[in-house]
Amino acid sequence: TNLQHSQTATASLRRALEMEPRTIALIQEPWIRHNIEYAASITSEVGNLNTPSTDKPRTCVYIPQDVPSATLTQFCSRDLTAVRIPTNCDAPDLVLASAYMPGDDDNCPPKEMTDLVHHCERANLELIICTDSNAHHPLWSSDKPNSRGEVLCTYLFSTNLNIVNQGSEPTWVTARGQTIIDLTLATENATGLISGWHVSDEPSCSDHRRIRFTLLANT
């Protein structure tokens, strides 16, 4: 979910997490005011917020307390938060990442994300990335590609990441228009752990709609 720096969207997400305590939330653009991260207000007695150690972070990850996890601090930055979840079987550990790709930055994807992807490939880790890409391309059902979308597609073809998005429901909706810029990316085996991927019609109180899926990970 992208909270669009909104206090109301943050409160709405907290209510959703309280109703569904087994939910993991990969968040972009949390609520920030006076350099203080108010996304921490979604932390509850049943969950913890993982955030990068930086001013005005644009990503964070909420993990239920009963899900073991470790923040990969070496790959975290203002625009990337990555969390490793161990598995209780012979399968590789799973890395979940929230990434924000600012529209005013020519680096798409940002170096922090490419470093994480490369690390997971070398370390045999499965990876799921949820990102506000600010990129358009027909590959994920945007009407017309932009230069960012072309660059991002070229990069994705060089990796082991799949685009999990399905259908053509817009993920960003305003009075000025609507489009698909929020992507779910996953390695081959991680893609098989995802079911029920959809753009939710629940009120998000943000101009981004929530993306929901079930993660069938044995942790």
Protein backbone atom coordinates (compact mmCIF):
# COMPACT_ATOMS: atom_id res chain seq x y z
CA THR A 1 0.00 0.00 0.00
CA ASN A 2 1.07 3.58 -0.66
CA LEU A 3 -0.14 5.87 2.14
CA GLN A 4 0.55 9.06 0.17
CA HIS A 5 1.90 10.66 3.39
CA SER A 6 -1.67 10.72 4.71
CA GLN A 7 -2.65 10.57 8.38
CA THR A 8 -6.10 9.31 7.40
CA ALA A 9 -4.68 6.54 5.20
CA THR A 10 -2.37 5.52 8.04
CA ALA A 11 -5.29 5.27 10.47
CA SER A 12 -7.26 3.25 7.93
CA LEU A 13 -4.38 0.81 7.49
CA ARG A 14 -4.00 0.41 11.24
CA ARG A 15 -7.67 -0.52 11.55
CA ALA A 16 -7.27 -3.09 8.78
CA LEU A 17 -4.22 -4.61 10.49
CA GLU A 18 -6.05 -4.82 13.81
CA MET A 19 -8.90 -6.70 12.12
CA GLU A 20 -6.51 -9.06 10.32
CA PRO A 21 -3.55 -9.60 12.67
CA ARG A 22 -1.77 -12.06 10.35
CA THR A 23 -1.32 -9.40 7.68
CA ILE A 24 2.09 -8.23 6.50
CA ALA A 25 2.08 -4.69 5.07
CA LEU A 26 4.65 -3.44 2.55
CA ILE A 27 4.28 0.34 2.68
CA GLN A 28 5.43 3.24 0.53
CA GLU A 29 5.22 6.97 1.31
CA PRO A 30 4.32 6.71 5.02
CA TRP A 31 2.92 9.66 6.96
CA ILE A 32 5.75 12.09 7.80
CA ARG A 33 5.49 15.41 9.63
CA HIS A 34 8.32 17.55 11.01
CA ASN A 35 10.82 14.79 10.07
CA ILE A 36 9.00 12.33 12.32
CA GLU A 37 7.70 9.09 10.87
CA TYR A 38 4.09 8.77 11.93
CA ALA A 39 3.73 5.45 10.14
CA ALA A 40 4.97 4.08 13.47
CA SER A 41 1.45 4.77 14.70
CA ILE A 42 0.34 1.58 12.98
CA THR A 43 2.59 -0.46 15.31
CA SER A 44 0.43 -2.43 17.72
CA GLU A 45 0.75 -5.08 20.38
CA VAL A 46 0.62 -7.75 17.65
CA GLY A 47 3.04 -6.27 15.11
CA ASN A 48 6.29 -4.39 14.55
CA LEU A 49 7.30 -1.79 12.01
CA ASN A 50 10.62 -2.20 10.21
CA THR A 51 12.01 1.10 8.92
CA PRO A 52 15.34 2.22 7.42
CA SER A 53 17.57 4.34 9.65
CA THR A 54 17.26 7.55 7.67
CA ASP A 55 15.43 10.87 7.70
CA LYS A 56 12.03 10.98 6.03
CA PRO A 57 11.86 7.31 4.98
CA ARG A 58 9.61 6.59 2.01
CA THR A 59 9.25 2.87 2.74
CA CYS A 60 8.60 0.57 5.70
CA VAL A 61 7.40 -2.98 6.38
CA TYR A 62 4.92 -4.11 9.05
CA ILE A 63 5.39 -7.69 10.31
CA PRO A 64 3.18 -9.54 12.84
CA GLN A 65 5.09 -10.37 16.02
CA ASP A 66 4.59 -14.12 15.62
CA VAL A 67 6.34 -14.07 12.22
CA PRO A 68 10.13 -14.36 12.69
CA SER A 69 12.01 -11.78 10.65
CA ALA A 70 15.25 -9.84 10.36
CA THR A 71 15.74 -6.46 8.68
CA LEU A 72 18.44 -6.51 5.99
CA THR A 73 19.92 -3.20 7.08
CA GLN A 74 22.74 -3.34 4.52
CA PHE A 75 20.17 -2.95 1.73
CA CYS A 76 17.80 -0.51 3.42
CA SER A 77 17.66 3.13 2.38
CA ARG A 78 15.14 5.92 2.29
CA ASP A 79 13.43 4.21 -0.65
CA LEU A 80 13.89 0.53 0.22
CA THR A 81 13.10 -1.63 3.25
CA ALA A 82 13.94 -5.34 3.06
CA VAL A 83 13.06 -8.03 5.61
CA ARG A 84 14.23 -11.66 5.61
CA ILE A 85 11.81 -14.35 6.81
CA PRO A 86 13.27 -17.78 7.61
CA THR A 87 11.40 -20.90 6.56
CA ASN A 88 10.87 -24.04 8.60
CA CYS A 89 11.67 -26.35 5.75
CA ASP A 90 14.38 -27.00 3.17
CA ALA A 91 13.20 -24.12 1.00
CA PRO A 92 15.32 -20.96 0.76
CA ASP A 93 14.49 -18.06 3.09
CA LEU A 94 12.13 -15.41 1.76
CA VAL A 95 12.95 -11.71 1.46
CA LEU A 96 10.09 -9.19 1.40
CA ALA A 97 10.87 -5.67 0.22
CA SER A 98 8.99 -2.41 -0.07
CA ALA A 99 10.49 -0.13 -2.73
CA TYR A 100 9.66 3.39 -3.83
CA MET A 101 10.87 4.61 -7.23
CA PRO A 102 10.55 8.41 -7.21
CA GLY A 103 9.24 9.82 -10.46
CA ASP A 104 11.85 12.59 -10.48
CA ASP A 105 14.77 10.13 -10.37
CA ASP A 106 16.23 8.80 -13.61
CA ASN A 107 17.46 5.65 -11.85
CA CYS A 108 14.63 3.16 -12.39
CA PRO A 109 15.02 0.90 -10.56
CA PRO A 110 17.21 2.53 -7.89
CA LYS A 111 20.62 1.04 -7.15
CA GLU A 112 19.54 -0.15 -3.70
CA MET A 113 16.95 -2.39 -5.31
CA THR A 114 19.31 -3.79 -7.96
CA ASP A 115 21.86 -4.54 -5.22
CA LEU A 116 19.19 -6.44 -3.25
CA VAL A 117 18.10 -8.42 -6.32
CA HIS A 118 21.71 -9.34 -7.06
CA HIS A 119 22.28 -10.39 -3.44
CA CYS A 120 19.22 -12.64 -3.42
CA GLU A 121 20.31 -14.27 -6.67
CA ARG A 122 23.79 -15.01 -5.31
CA ALA A 123 22.54 -16.15 -1.87
CA ASN A 124 19.73 -18.33 -3.27
CA LEU A 125 17.03 -16.34 -1.49
CA GLU A 126 13.48 -16.00 -2.75
CA LEU A 127 12.32 -12.39 -3.16
CA ILE A 128 9.05 -10.49 -3.34
CA ILE A 129 9.12 -6.74 -4.01
CA CYS A 130 6.08 -4.48 -3.77
CA THR A 131 6.79 -1.11 -5.34
CA ASP A 132 5.33 2.17 -6.46
CA SER A 133 7.32 2.30 -9.70
CA ASN A 134 5.97 5.53 -11.20
CA ALA A 135 6.52 3.68 -14.47
CA HIS A 136 4.11 2.86 -17.28
CA HIS A 137 4.27 -0.08 -19.70
CA PRO A 138 1.78 -2.40 -21.47
CA LEU A 139 3.60 -5.33 -19.84
CA TRP A 140 1.63 -4.51 -16.67
CA SER A 141 -1.41 -3.20 -18.58
CA SER A 142 -0.61 0.52 -18.60
CA ASP A 143 -2.01 2.13 -21.75
CA LYS A 144 1.22 3.68 -23.00
CA PRO A 145 4.84 3.15 -21.97
CA ASN A 146 6.97 5.99 -20.66
CA SER A 147 10.76 6.08 -20.66
CA ARG A 148 10.87 4.84 -17.07
CA GLY A 149 8.72 1.87 -18.01
CA GLU A 150 11.00 0.97 -20.91
CA VAL A 151 14.09 1.14 -18.69
CA LEU A 152 12.42 -0.89 -15.94
CA CYS A 153 11.31 -3.57 -18.42
CA THR A 154 14.82 -3.86 -19.83
CA TYR A 155 16.14 -4.36 -16.31
CA LEU A 156 13.50 -6.94 -15.33
CA PHE A 157 14.28 -9.04 -18.41
CA SER A 158 17.86 -9.34 -17.10
CA THR A 159 16.74 -10.76 -13.74
CA ASN A 160 14.85 -13.78 -12.42
CA LEU A 161 11.89 -11.59 -11.37
CA ASN A 162 8.33 -12.10 -12.61
CA ILE A 163 5.64 -9.43 -12.74
CA VAL A 164 2.85 -10.83 -10.56
CA ASN A 165 0.24 -8.19 -11.48
CA GLN A 166 -2.90 -9.57 -13.06
CA GLY A 167 -5.71 -7.88 -14.98
CA SER A 168 -6.06 -4.22 -15.81
CA GLU A 169 -7.55 -2.68 -12.66
CA PRO A 170 -5.86 0.70 -12.03
CA THR A 171 -3.76 0.98 -8.89
CA TRP A 172 -3.59 4.80 -8.87
CA VAL A 173 -6.87 6.70 -9.15
CA THR A 174 -7.48 10.44 -8.93
CA ALA A 175 -9.86 12.98 -10.43
CA ARG A 176 -7.15 13.69 -13.02
CA GLY A 177 -6.92 10.11 -14.25
CA GLN A 178 -5.98 6.56 -13.39
CA THR A 179 -3.21 4.15 -14.27
CA ILE A 180 -1.20 1.13 -13.11
CA ILE A 181 2.10 2.02 -11.43
CA ASP A 182 2.12 -0.24 -8.35
CA LEU A 183 3.84 -3.54 -9.10
CA THR A 184 4.44 -6.85 -7.36
CA LEU A 185 7.65 -8.54 -8.47
CA ALA A 186 8.76 -12.01 -7.40
CA THR A 187 11.30 -14.70 -8.13
CA GLU A 188 10.01 -17.87 -9.80
CA ASN A 189 9.51 -19.95 -6.65
CA ALA A 190 8.18 -16.98 -4.69
CA THR A 191 5.62 -16.40 -7.44
CA GLY A 192 4.29 -19.88 -6.68
CA LEU A 193 3.74 -18.86 -3.05
CA ILE A 194 1.37 -16.03 -4.09
CA SER A 195 -2.34 -16.63 -4.59
CA GLY A 196 -5.36 -14.38 -4.91
CA TRP A 197 -3.45 -11.34 -6.15
CA HIS A 198 -5.86 -8.46 -6.72
CA VAL A 199 -6.31 -4.71 -6.56
CA SER A 200 -8.60 -4.20 -3.58
CA ASP A 201 -11.78 -2.13 -3.78
CA GLU A 202 -11.68 -1.36 -0.03
CA PRO A 203 -11.30 2.34 0.84
CA SER A 204 -7.61 3.14 1.29
CA CYS A 205 -7.97 6.90 1.95
CA SER A 206 -5.07 7.33 -0.51
CA ASP A 207 -4.93 7.90 -4.25
CA HIS A 208 -3.28 4.46 -4.44
CA ARG A 209 -5.50 1.40 -4.07
CA ARG A 210 -4.26 -1.44 -1.88
CA ILE A 211 -2.89 -4.58 -3.50
CA ARG A 212 -3.68 -7.77 -1.64
CA PHE A 213 -2.55 -11.37 -1.96
CA THR A 214 -2.18 -14.48 0.16
CA LEU A 215 1.37 -15.64 0.85
CA LEU A 216 1.58 -19.42 1.31
CA ALA A 217 4.95 -19.45 3.06
CA ASN A 218 5.81 -22.17 5.59
CA THR A 219 7.43 -20.10 8.34
